[in-house]
Amino acid sequence: MDIRKIKKLIEMLEESQLSEIEITEGEESIRLSRGSAAPNAPVLAAALAPPSAPAEVTPSYIPQPTIPVADPEIPEPDETSGALCSPMVGTFYASPNPDSKPYVEIGSRVSVGDTLCMIEAMKIFNQVDAEVSGVVKKILKNSGDPVEYGETLFVIEEDGG
């Protein structure tokens, strides 16, 4: 499923009164849920599950206490630099596998559509591509780091024009 389509689904969920969206295209499917303290209605899918099939339980993200950090690492945006943010919650990977070179390094020149990293979400690896052409000035995450939706991953100095 295209990352732009996923971004659009997230926007639709945020702008609507829906608590959940589920889309299936061929063998791919995605379910987006609005985070809430308590569910508003019983989940129908859980009620329809056969009683003999054991439910597989996977742990949800548990927020860890954060330590306040000064922000000198993240430069103030200007007309020639752009922050590339995470399109989803997941785990950041700088290379296709642990033994490979990273997709990009500080100083790398990138073009629109170049792969910058992968984000693993629910055992699916999603490419994150450059949205602008320019030079990578900062990489704010390391492989294996958790990322949140909208969190800045890269700072790219856009080509002048």
N, C-alpha and C. Protein backbone atom coordinates (compact mmCIF):
# COMPACT_ATOMS: atom_id res chain seq x y z
N MET A 1 0.86 -1.17 0.00
CA MET A 1 0.00 0.00 0.00
C MET A 1 0.90 1.23 0.00
N ASP A 2 0.60 2.18 -0.82
CA ASP A 2 1.40 3.39 -0.99
C ASP A 2 1.37 4.24 0.28
N ILE A 3 2.51 4.78 0.67
CA ILE A 3 2.63 5.58 1.89
C ILE A 3 1.74 6.83 1.83
N ARG A 4 1.58 7.40 0.64
CA ARG A 4 0.73 8.58 0.50
C ARG A 4 -0.73 8.23 0.80
N LYS A 5 -1.13 7.03 0.38
CA LYS A 5 -2.50 6.58 0.64
C LYS A 5 -2.71 6.40 2.15
N ILE A 6 -1.69 5.87 2.83
CA ILE A 6 -1.78 5.69 4.28
C ILE A 6 -1.87 7.04 4.97
N LYS A 7 -1.06 8.02 4.53
CA LYS A 7 -1.13 9.36 5.10
C LYS A 7 -2.53 9.94 4.93
N LYS A 8 -3.12 9.74 3.75
CA LYS A 8 -4.45 10.26 3.47
C LYS A 8 -5.49 9.61 4.40
N LEU A 9 -5.35 8.29 4.62
CA LEU A 9 -6.26 7.60 5.53
C LEU A 9 -6.15 8.15 6.95
N ILE A 10 -4.92 8.44 7.39
CA ILE A 10 -4.71 9.00 8.72
C ILE A 10 -5.40 10.36 8.82
N GLU A 11 -5.23 11.20 7.78
CA GLU A 11 -5.88 12.51 7.77
C GLU A 11 -7.40 12.37 7.82
N MET A 12 -7.94 11.41 7.05
CA MET A 12 -9.38 11.20 7.03
C MET A 12 -9.88 10.79 8.41
N LEU A 13 -9.14 9.92 9.10
CA LEU A 13 -9.54 9.47 10.43
C LEU A 13 -9.52 10.64 11.40
N GLU A 14 -8.47 11.47 11.33
CA GLU A 14 -8.35 12.61 12.24
C GLU A 14 -9.47 13.63 12.03
N GLU A 15 -9.92 13.81 10.78
CA GLU A 15 -10.93 14.82 10.46
C GLU A 15 -12.36 14.31 10.65
N SER A 16 -12.52 13.02 10.83
CA SER A 16 -13.87 12.45 10.93
C SER A 16 -14.22 12.13 12.38
N GLN A 17 -15.46 11.67 12.57
CA GLN A 17 -15.93 11.23 13.88
C GLN A 17 -15.71 9.74 14.08
N LEU A 18 -15.12 9.07 13.09
CA LEU A 18 -14.90 7.63 13.17
C LEU A 18 -13.85 7.30 14.21
N SER A 19 -13.97 6.14 14.82
CA SER A 19 -12.96 5.71 15.78
C SER A 19 -11.99 4.73 15.14
N GLU A 20 -12.35 4.18 13.97
CA GLU A 20 -11.49 3.19 13.34
C GLU A 20 -11.79 3.12 11.85
N ILE A 21 -10.72 2.90 11.06
CA ILE A 21 -10.86 2.67 9.61
C ILE A 21 -10.09 1.41 9.29
N GLU A 22 -10.70 0.52 8.50
CA GLU A 22 -9.99 -0.68 8.03
C GLU A 22 -10.17 -0.77 6.52
N ILE A 23 -9.05 -0.89 5.80
CA ILE A 23 -9.06 -0.95 4.34
C ILE A 23 -8.30 -2.21 3.91
N THR A 24 -8.86 -2.95 2.95
CA THR A 24 -8.18 -4.12 2.40
C THR A 24 -8.09 -3.95 0.89
N GLU A 25 -6.87 -4.11 0.36
CA GLU A 25 -6.63 -4.07 -1.08
C GLU A 25 -5.85 -5.32 -1.44
N GLY A 26 -6.51 -6.28 -2.06
CA GLY A 26 -5.83 -7.53 -2.40
C GLY A 26 -5.39 -8.24 -1.13
N GLU A 27 -4.08 -8.51 -1.03
CA GLU A 27 -3.55 -9.19 0.16
C GLU A 27 -3.13 -8.22 1.25
N GLU A 28 -3.13 -6.92 0.96
CA GLU A 28 -2.71 -5.92 1.93
C GLU A 28 -3.93 -5.36 2.66
N SER A 29 -3.76 -5.13 3.95
CA SER A 29 -4.83 -4.47 4.69
C SER A 29 -4.20 -3.59 5.76
N ILE A 30 -4.95 -2.57 6.16
CA ILE A 30 -4.50 -1.66 7.21
C ILE A 30 -5.69 -1.30 8.06
N ARG A 31 -5.47 -1.22 9.35
CA ARG A 31 -6.50 -0.80 10.29
C ARG A 31 -5.92 0.35 11.10
N LEU A 32 -6.60 1.48 11.09
CA LEU A 32 -6.20 2.65 11.86
C LEU A 32 -7.25 2.87 12.93
N SER A 33 -6.81 3.06 14.16
CA SER A 33 -7.73 3.29 15.27
C SER A 33 -7.37 4.58 15.97
N ARG A 34 -8.39 5.27 16.39
CA ARG A 34 -8.19 6.49 17.17
C ARG A 34 -7.90 6.04 18.60
N GLY A 35 -6.85 6.54 19.19
CA GLY A 35 -6.49 6.18 20.56
C GLY A 35 -7.49 6.77 21.53
N SER A 36 -7.97 5.95 22.46
CA SER A 36 -8.89 6.44 23.48
C SER A 36 -8.69 5.63 24.75
N ALA A 37 -9.13 6.18 25.86
CA ALA A 37 -8.96 5.52 27.15
C ALA A 37 -9.85 4.28 27.25
N ALA A 38 -11.07 4.37 26.72
CA ALA A 38 -11.98 3.24 26.79
C ALA A 38 -12.73 3.14 25.46
N PRO A 39 -13.01 1.94 25.00
CA PRO A 39 -13.74 1.81 23.74
C PRO A 39 -15.16 2.33 23.88
N ASN A 40 -15.67 2.95 22.81
CA ASN A 40 -17.02 3.50 22.82
C ASN A 40 -18.07 2.43 22.61
N ALA A 41 -17.71 1.37 21.87
CA ALA A 41 -18.67 0.31 21.56
C ALA A 41 -17.92 -1.02 21.54
N PRO A 42 -18.63 -2.12 21.79
CA PRO A 42 -17.95 -3.41 21.72
C PRO A 42 -17.43 -3.68 20.32
N VAL A 43 -16.33 -4.37 20.24
CA VAL A 43 -15.73 -4.68 18.95
C VAL A 43 -16.41 -5.91 18.38
N LEU A 44 -17.04 -5.75 17.22
CA LEU A 44 -17.80 -6.81 16.59
C LEU A 44 -16.91 -7.96 16.17
N ALA A 45 -15.72 -7.68 15.65
CA ALA A 45 -14.82 -8.73 15.19
C ALA A 45 -14.46 -9.69 16.32
N ALA A 46 -14.28 -9.17 17.52
CA ALA A 46 -13.95 -10.03 18.66
C ALA A 46 -15.13 -10.94 19.00
N ALA A 47 -16.33 -10.43 18.86
CA ALA A 47 -17.51 -11.23 19.17
C ALA A 47 -17.72 -12.33 18.14
N LEU A 48 -17.25 -12.15 16.90
CA LEU A 48 -17.44 -13.13 15.86
C LEU A 48 -16.34 -14.18 15.80
N ALA A 49 -15.27 -14.02 16.55
CA ALA A 49 -14.16 -14.97 16.52
C ALA A 49 -14.62 -16.31 17.06
N PRO A 50 -14.22 -17.42 16.40
CA PRO A 50 -14.61 -18.73 16.90
C PRO A 50 -14.00 -18.98 18.27
N PRO A 51 -14.78 -19.55 19.21
CA PRO A 51 -14.28 -19.73 20.57
C PRO A 51 -13.12 -20.72 20.65
N SER A 52 -13.00 -21.65 19.68
CA SER A 52 -11.93 -22.64 19.75
C SER A 52 -10.59 -22.08 19.29
N ALA A 53 -10.59 -20.95 18.60
CA ALA A 53 -9.33 -20.38 18.11
C ALA A 53 -8.74 -19.48 19.18
N PRO A 54 -7.55 -19.82 19.68
CA PRO A 54 -6.94 -18.97 20.71
C PRO A 54 -6.50 -17.64 20.09
N ALA A 55 -6.77 -16.57 20.79
CA ALA A 55 -6.40 -15.25 20.30
C ALA A 55 -4.92 -15.01 20.56
N GLU A 56 -4.25 -14.50 19.54
CA GLU A 56 -2.83 -14.18 19.69
C GLU A 56 -2.74 -12.78 20.27
N VAL A 57 -2.08 -12.64 21.38
CA VAL A 57 -1.98 -11.35 22.05
C VAL A 57 -0.59 -10.79 21.81
N THR A 58 -0.55 -9.58 21.30
CA THR A 58 0.73 -8.91 21.13
C THR A 58 0.72 -7.67 22.00
N PRO A 59 1.84 -7.38 22.65
CA PRO A 59 1.85 -6.22 23.54
C PRO A 59 1.71 -4.92 22.75
N SER A 60 0.96 -4.01 23.30
CA SER A 60 0.82 -2.68 22.70
C SER A 60 2.01 -1.84 23.13
N TYR A 61 2.16 -0.72 22.47
CA TYR A 61 3.22 0.21 22.85
C TYR A 61 2.94 0.72 24.25
N ILE A 62 3.92 0.63 25.12
CA ILE A 62 3.80 1.13 26.48
C ILE A 62 4.68 2.36 26.59
N PRO A 63 4.09 3.54 26.82
CA PRO A 63 4.91 4.74 26.89
C PRO A 63 5.92 4.66 28.03
N GLN A 64 7.13 5.05 27.72
CA GLN A 64 8.19 5.08 28.72
C GLN A 64 8.36 6.52 29.18
N PRO A 65 8.79 6.72 30.43
CA PRO A 65 9.02 8.09 30.87
C PRO A 65 10.10 8.72 29.99
N THR A 66 9.88 9.97 29.67
CA THR A 66 10.85 10.65 28.82
C THR A 66 11.69 11.60 29.64
N ILE A 67 12.91 11.75 29.20
CA ILE A 67 13.83 12.67 29.86
C ILE A 67 13.87 13.92 29.00
N PRO A 68 13.60 15.08 29.58
CA PRO A 68 13.63 16.29 28.77
C PRO A 68 15.01 16.52 28.18
N VAL A 69 15.03 16.86 26.91
CA VAL A 69 16.29 17.09 26.21
C VAL A 69 16.21 18.46 25.56
N ALA A 70 17.31 19.19 25.62
CA ALA A 70 17.35 20.48 24.94
C ALA A 70 17.23 20.24 23.44
N ASP A 71 16.74 21.19 22.70
CA ASP A 71 16.52 21.03 21.27
C ASP A 71 17.59 21.63 20.37
N PRO A 72 18.85 21.77 20.79
CA PRO A 72 19.82 22.34 19.85
C PRO A 72 20.10 21.41 18.68
N GLU A 73 19.73 20.13 18.80
CA GLU A 73 19.96 19.17 17.72
C GLU A 73 19.08 19.45 16.51
N ILE A 74 17.88 19.99 16.76
CA ILE A 74 16.95 20.22 15.66
C ILE A 74 17.01 21.70 15.30
N PRO A 75 17.54 22.01 14.11
CA PRO A 75 17.67 23.41 13.73
C PRO A 75 16.31 24.04 13.45
N GLU A 76 16.27 25.35 13.61
CA GLU A 76 15.06 26.08 13.25
C GLU A 76 14.87 25.98 11.74
N PRO A 77 13.66 25.68 11.28
CA PRO A 77 13.47 25.58 9.84
C PRO A 77 13.67 26.94 9.18
N ASP A 78 14.23 26.92 7.97
CA ASP A 78 14.33 28.13 7.18
C ASP A 78 13.85 27.80 5.77
N GLU A 79 14.01 28.74 4.85
CA GLU A 79 13.46 28.54 3.51
C GLU A 79 14.16 27.43 2.74
N THR A 80 15.41 27.08 3.12
CA THR A 80 16.16 26.10 2.33
C THR A 80 16.32 24.76 3.04
N SER A 81 15.68 24.58 4.18
CA SER A 81 15.80 23.27 4.83
C SER A 81 14.41 22.74 5.12
N GLY A 82 14.29 21.43 5.04
CA GLY A 82 13.00 20.82 5.28
C GLY A 82 13.14 19.62 6.19
N ALA A 83 12.19 19.49 7.09
CA ALA A 83 12.17 18.34 7.98
C ALA A 83 11.33 17.26 7.34
N LEU A 84 11.87 16.06 7.26
CA LEU A 84 11.10 14.92 6.77
C LEU A 84 10.62 14.17 8.01
N CYS A 85 9.31 14.06 8.15
CA CYS A 85 8.72 13.48 9.35
C CYS A 85 8.23 12.06 9.09
N SER A 86 8.12 11.30 10.16
CA SER A 86 7.66 9.92 10.06
C SER A 86 6.19 9.88 9.67
N PRO A 87 5.85 9.09 8.66
CA PRO A 87 4.45 8.99 8.24
C PRO A 87 3.63 8.03 9.10
N MET A 88 4.30 7.37 10.07
CA MET A 88 3.61 6.36 10.88
C MET A 88 4.38 6.08 12.16
N VAL A 89 3.76 5.37 13.05
CA VAL A 89 4.42 4.88 14.26
C VAL A 89 5.10 3.56 13.91
N GLY A 90 6.30 3.35 14.40
CA GLY A 90 7.00 2.10 14.12
C GLY A 90 8.43 2.13 14.60
N THR A 91 9.26 1.32 13.96
CA THR A 91 10.68 1.23 14.29
C THR A 91 11.49 1.68 13.09
N PHE A 92 12.44 2.59 13.32
CA PHE A 92 13.27 3.18 12.27
C PHE A 92 14.41 2.24 11.91
N TYR A 93 14.66 2.06 10.61
CA TYR A 93 15.82 1.31 10.13
C TYR A 93 16.50 2.12 9.04
N ALA A 94 17.81 2.37 9.21
CA ALA A 94 18.58 3.19 8.27
C ALA A 94 19.04 2.41 7.06
N SER A 95 19.00 1.07 7.12
CA SER A 95 19.48 0.23 6.01
C SER A 95 18.53 -0.95 5.82
N PRO A 96 18.61 -1.61 4.64
CA PRO A 96 17.69 -2.72 4.38
C PRO A 96 17.93 -3.92 5.29
N ASN A 97 19.16 -4.11 5.77
CA ASN A 97 19.44 -5.15 6.76
C ASN A 97 20.67 -4.72 7.56
N PRO A 98 20.92 -5.35 8.71
CA PRO A 98 21.99 -4.89 9.60
C PRO A 98 23.39 -4.88 8.97
N ASP A 99 23.63 -5.71 7.96
CA ASP A 99 24.96 -5.77 7.35
C ASP A 99 25.12 -4.83 6.16
N SER A 100 24.07 -4.13 5.78
CA SER A 100 24.11 -3.25 4.61
C SER A 100 24.49 -1.82 5.00
N LYS A 101 24.95 -1.07 3.98
CA LYS A 101 25.19 0.36 4.18
C LYS A 101 23.85 1.05 4.35
N PRO A 102 23.83 2.17 5.08
CA PRO A 102 22.57 2.93 5.21
C PRO A 102 22.12 3.47 3.86
N TYR A 103 20.82 3.68 3.73
CA TYR A 103 20.28 4.25 2.50
C TYR A 103 20.92 5.61 2.22
N VAL A 104 21.02 6.45 3.27
CA VAL A 104 21.65 7.76 3.13
C VAL A 104 22.49 8.05 4.36
N GLU A 105 23.44 8.96 4.19
CA GLU A 105 24.27 9.42 5.30
C GLU A 105 24.24 10.94 5.29
N ILE A 106 24.73 11.55 6.34
CA ILE A 106 24.82 13.01 6.37
C ILE A 106 25.70 13.43 5.20
N GLY A 107 25.22 14.39 4.43
CA GLY A 107 25.95 14.86 3.25
C GLY A 107 25.50 14.19 1.96
N SER A 108 24.68 13.15 2.05
CA SER A 108 24.18 12.48 0.84
C SER A 108 23.25 13.40 0.07
N ARG A 109 23.37 13.38 -1.25
CA ARG A 109 22.45 14.12 -2.11
C ARG A 109 21.28 13.19 -2.43
N VAL A 110 20.06 13.71 -2.26
CA VAL A 110 18.86 12.91 -2.52
C VAL A 110 17.96 13.63 -3.51
N SER A 111 17.17 12.85 -4.22
CA SER A 111 16.17 13.38 -5.15
C SER A 111 14.80 12.92 -4.68
N VAL A 112 13.78 13.59 -5.14
CA VAL A 112 12.41 13.20 -4.80
C VAL A 112 12.22 11.73 -5.17
N GLY A 113 11.71 10.94 -4.22
CA GLY A 113 11.46 9.53 -4.47
C GLY A 113 12.56 8.59 -4.01
N ASP A 114 13.76 9.13 -3.67
CA ASP A 114 14.84 8.27 -3.18
C ASP A 114 14.46 7.72 -1.80
N THR A 115 14.77 6.45 -1.55
CA THR A 115 14.49 5.84 -0.26
C THR A 115 15.48 6.36 0.77
N LEU A 116 14.97 6.85 1.91
CA LEU A 116 15.82 7.37 2.98
C LEU A 116 15.95 6.39 4.13
N CYS A 117 14.90 5.62 4.39
CA CYS A 117 14.92 4.66 5.50
C CYS A 117 13.71 3.74 5.35
N MET A 118 13.61 2.81 6.29
CA MET A 118 12.44 1.93 6.37
C MET A 118 11.84 2.11 7.77
N ILE A 119 10.54 2.00 7.85
CA ILE A 119 9.87 1.97 9.15
C ILE A 119 9.06 0.69 9.21
N GLU A 120 9.36 -0.10 10.23
CA GLU A 120 8.65 -1.36 10.42
C GLU A 120 7.47 -1.10 11.34
N ALA A 121 6.29 -1.47 10.86
CA ALA A 121 5.07 -1.33 11.65
C ALA A 121 4.27 -2.60 11.47
N MET A 122 3.96 -3.28 12.54
CA MET A 122 3.18 -4.52 12.52
C MET A 122 3.79 -5.55 11.57
N LYS A 123 5.10 -5.71 11.65
CA LYS A 123 5.85 -6.70 10.85
C LYS A 123 5.86 -6.40 9.36
N ILE A 124 5.49 -5.19 8.98
CA ILE A 124 5.54 -4.76 7.58
C ILE A 124 6.55 -3.63 7.47
N PHE A 125 7.48 -3.76 6.51
CA PHE A 125 8.50 -2.73 6.31
C PHE A 125 8.01 -1.75 5.25
N ASN A 126 8.01 -0.48 5.60
CA ASN A 126 7.52 0.59 4.74
C ASN A 126 8.65 1.53 4.38
N GLN A 127 8.86 1.77 3.09
CA GLN A 127 9.88 2.70 2.64
C GLN A 127 9.44 4.12 2.96
N VAL A 128 10.40 4.94 3.37
CA VAL A 128 10.16 6.37 3.52
C VAL A 128 11.03 7.04 2.47
N ASP A 129 10.38 7.75 1.55
CA ASP A 129 11.07 8.36 0.42
C ASP A 129 11.20 9.86 0.60
N ALA A 130 12.23 10.41 -0.04
CA ALA A 130 12.46 11.86 -0.01
C ALA A 130 11.30 12.57 -0.70
N GLU A 131 10.84 13.64 -0.09
CA GLU A 131 9.77 14.44 -0.68
C GLU A 131 10.32 15.68 -1.36
N VAL A 132 11.63 15.94 -1.15
CA VAL A 132 12.31 17.08 -1.78
C VAL A 132 13.67 16.62 -2.26
N SER A 133 14.26 17.36 -3.18
CA SER A 133 15.64 17.11 -3.61
C SER A 133 16.55 18.02 -2.82
N GLY A 134 17.71 17.49 -2.42
CA GLY A 134 18.65 18.30 -1.66
C GLY A 134 19.72 17.45 -1.02
N VAL A 135 20.30 17.98 0.06
CA VAL A 135 21.39 17.32 0.78
C VAL A 135 20.94 17.01 2.20
N VAL A 136 21.19 15.77 2.65
CA VAL A 136 20.83 15.35 4.01
C VAL A 136 21.76 16.08 4.98
N LYS A 137 21.20 16.91 5.85
CA LYS A 137 21.99 17.67 6.82
C LYS A 137 22.01 17.00 8.19
N LYS A 138 20.91 16.36 8.57
CA LYS A 138 20.84 15.68 9.87
C LYS A 138 20.03 14.41 9.73
N ILE A 139 20.46 13.38 10.46
CA ILE A 139 19.70 12.14 10.62
C ILE A 139 19.45 12.04 12.12
N LEU A 140 18.19 12.14 12.52
CA LEU A 140 17.86 12.27 13.94
C LEU A 140 17.53 10.95 14.63
N LYS A 141 17.57 9.85 13.91
CA LYS A 141 17.27 8.54 14.49
C LYS A 141 18.35 7.54 14.12
N ASN A 142 18.50 6.51 14.95
CA ASN A 142 19.40 5.39 14.68
C ASN A 142 18.56 4.15 14.42
N SER A 143 19.14 3.19 13.72
CA SER A 143 18.42 1.94 13.45
C SER A 143 17.97 1.31 14.76
N GLY A 144 16.71 0.89 14.76
CA GLY A 144 16.14 0.25 15.94
C GLY A 144 15.39 1.21 16.85
N ASP A 145 15.52 2.53 16.61
CA ASP A 145 14.83 3.51 17.45
C ASP A 145 13.33 3.50 17.14
N PRO A 146 12.49 3.61 18.17
CA PRO A 146 11.06 3.76 17.92
C PRO A 146 10.78 5.17 17.41
N VAL A 147 9.80 5.30 16.52
CA VAL A 147 9.40 6.61 16.00
C VAL A 147 7.90 6.78 16.14
N GLU A 148 7.49 8.01 16.30
CA GLU A 148 6.08 8.36 16.40
C GLU A 148 5.63 9.02 15.10
N TYR A 149 4.35 9.00 14.84
CA TYR A 149 3.79 9.69 13.69
C TYR A 149 4.11 11.18 13.80
N GLY A 150 4.65 11.76 12.73
CA GLY A 150 4.96 13.19 12.70
C GLY A 150 6.30 13.57 13.29
N GLU A 151 7.03 12.61 13.85
CA GLU A 151 8.34 12.89 14.44
C GLU A 151 9.38 13.13 13.33
N THR A 152 10.23 14.15 13.51
CA THR A 152 11.23 14.47 12.50
C THR A 152 12.30 13.38 12.46
N LEU A 153 12.57 12.86 11.25
CA LEU A 153 13.58 11.83 11.05
C LEU A 153 14.84 12.40 10.41
N PHE A 154 14.66 13.29 9.43
CA PHE A 154 15.77 13.85 8.66
C PHE A 154 15.56 15.35 8.50
N VAL A 155 16.67 16.06 8.36
CA VAL A 155 16.62 17.46 7.93
C VAL A 155 17.36 17.49 6.60
N ILE A 156 16.66 17.95 5.57
CA ILE A 156 17.22 18.00 4.22
C ILE A 156 17.27 19.45 3.77
N GLU A 157 18.47 19.89 3.36
CA GLU A 157 18.61 21.23 2.80
C GLU A 157 18.20 21.15 1.34
N GLU A 158 17.09 21.79 1.04
CA GLU A 158 16.56 21.71 -0.32
C GLU A 158 17.46 22.43 -1.31
N ASP A 159 17.49 21.89 -2.54
CA ASP A 159 18.22 22.55 -3.62
C ASP A 159 17.56 23.91 -3.87
N GLY A 160 18.38 24.93 -4.08
CA GLY A 160 17.85 26.28 -4.34
C GLY A 160 17.10 26.32 -5.65
N GLY A 161 16.17 27.20 -5.73
CA GLY A 161 15.44 27.24 -6.99
C GLY A 161 14.40 28.21 -6.96
